[in-house]
């Protein structure tokens, strides 16, 4: 099965956090929401998808990183 690889970018630290996998953007948004980031700090973080992971053969393919919009989260 193919999963997406996500990471959260911290604008203040100017770095990405540890990556995690999720089956789709909706699940990744739910994980992001479960982090409990205070509303006042939400502008300091961005959810990015950076690649794919294939569980059948263990392959990882990078993507040009792009932001997943989390305004509704």
Protein backbone atom coordinates (compact mmCIF):
# COMPACT_ATOMS: atom_id res chain seq x y z
CA UNK A 1 0.00 0.00 0.00
CA UNK A 2 1.24 3.49 -0.74
CA UNK A 3 1.34 6.06 2.05
CA UNK A 4 2.26 9.73 2.00
CA UNK A 5 5.10 11.06 4.11
CA UNK A 6 4.32 14.24 6.04
CA UNK A 7 6.24 16.62 8.26
CA UNK A 8 5.42 19.78 10.17
CA UNK A 9 7.46 22.89 9.45
CA UNK A 10 8.13 25.19 12.41
CA UNK A 11 8.54 28.72 11.06
CA UNK A 12 10.19 30.01 14.25
CA UNK A 13 12.75 27.20 14.43
CA UNK A 14 13.10 27.26 10.62
CA UNK A 15 13.15 23.47 10.45
CA UNK A 16 10.97 20.45 9.78
CA UNK A 17 9.94 18.05 12.53
CA UNK A 18 10.16 14.26 12.41
CA UNK A 19 8.32 12.73 9.44
CA UNK A 20 5.23 10.56 9.79
CA UNK A 21 3.18 8.53 7.34
CA UNK A 22 -0.55 8.64 6.66
CA UNK A 23 -2.78 7.07 4.03
CA UNK A 24 -4.06 10.47 2.81
CA UNK A 25 -4.23 14.20 3.55
CA UNK A 26 -7.38 13.83 5.66
CA UNK A 27 -5.68 11.44 8.07
CA UNK A 28 -2.59 13.68 8.18
CA UNK A 29 -4.77 16.68 9.03
CA UNK A 30 -6.38 14.69 11.84
CA UNK A 31 -2.93 13.84 13.23
CA UNK A 32 -1.97 17.52 12.96
CA UNK A 33 -5.13 18.52 14.83
CA UNK A 34 -4.42 15.97 17.56
CA UNK A 35 -1.13 17.72 18.33
CA UNK A 36 -3.15 20.34 20.19
CA UNK A 37 -1.34 23.39 18.83
CA UNK A 38 -2.85 26.47 20.52
CA UNK A 39 -4.89 28.65 18.17
CA UNK A 40 -2.57 31.61 18.81
CA UNK A 41 0.41 29.61 17.49
CA UNK A 42 -1.17 27.87 14.46
CA UNK A 43 0.32 30.43 12.06
CA UNK A 44 3.79 29.29 13.14
CA UNK A 45 3.39 25.74 11.78
CA UNK A 46 2.73 24.22 8.35
CA UNK A 47 1.84 20.65 7.40
CA UNK A 48 3.85 19.47 4.37
CA UNK A 49 3.76 16.31 2.29
CA UNK A 50 7.32 15.45 1.26
CA UNK A 51 7.17 12.00 -0.31
CA UNK A 52 5.59 8.58 -0.60
CA UNK A 53 6.32 5.26 1.05
CA UNK A 54 5.40 1.91 -0.53
CA UNK A 55 4.87 -0.72 2.18
CA UNK A 56 5.12 -3.66 -0.25
CA UNK A 57 8.75 -3.03 -1.18
CA UNK A 58 9.89 -0.37 1.30
CA UNK A 59 10.62 2.22 -1.38
CA UNK A 60 10.57 5.91 -0.56
CA UNK A 61 10.12 8.54 -3.26
CA UNK A 62 10.63 12.24 -2.56
CA UNK A 63 8.17 14.85 -3.76
CA UNK A 64 8.65 18.55 -4.17
CA UNK A 65 7.35 19.56 -0.75
CA UNK A 66 4.03 21.32 -0.67
CA UNK A 67 1.84 22.68 2.08
CA UNK A 68 -1.39 20.95 3.10
CA UNK A 69 -3.88 23.64 4.06
CA UNK A 70 -4.96 23.24 7.67
CA UNK A 71 -7.16 26.31 8.17
CA UNK A 72 -10.21 24.12 8.78
CA UNK A 73 -8.36 21.89 11.26
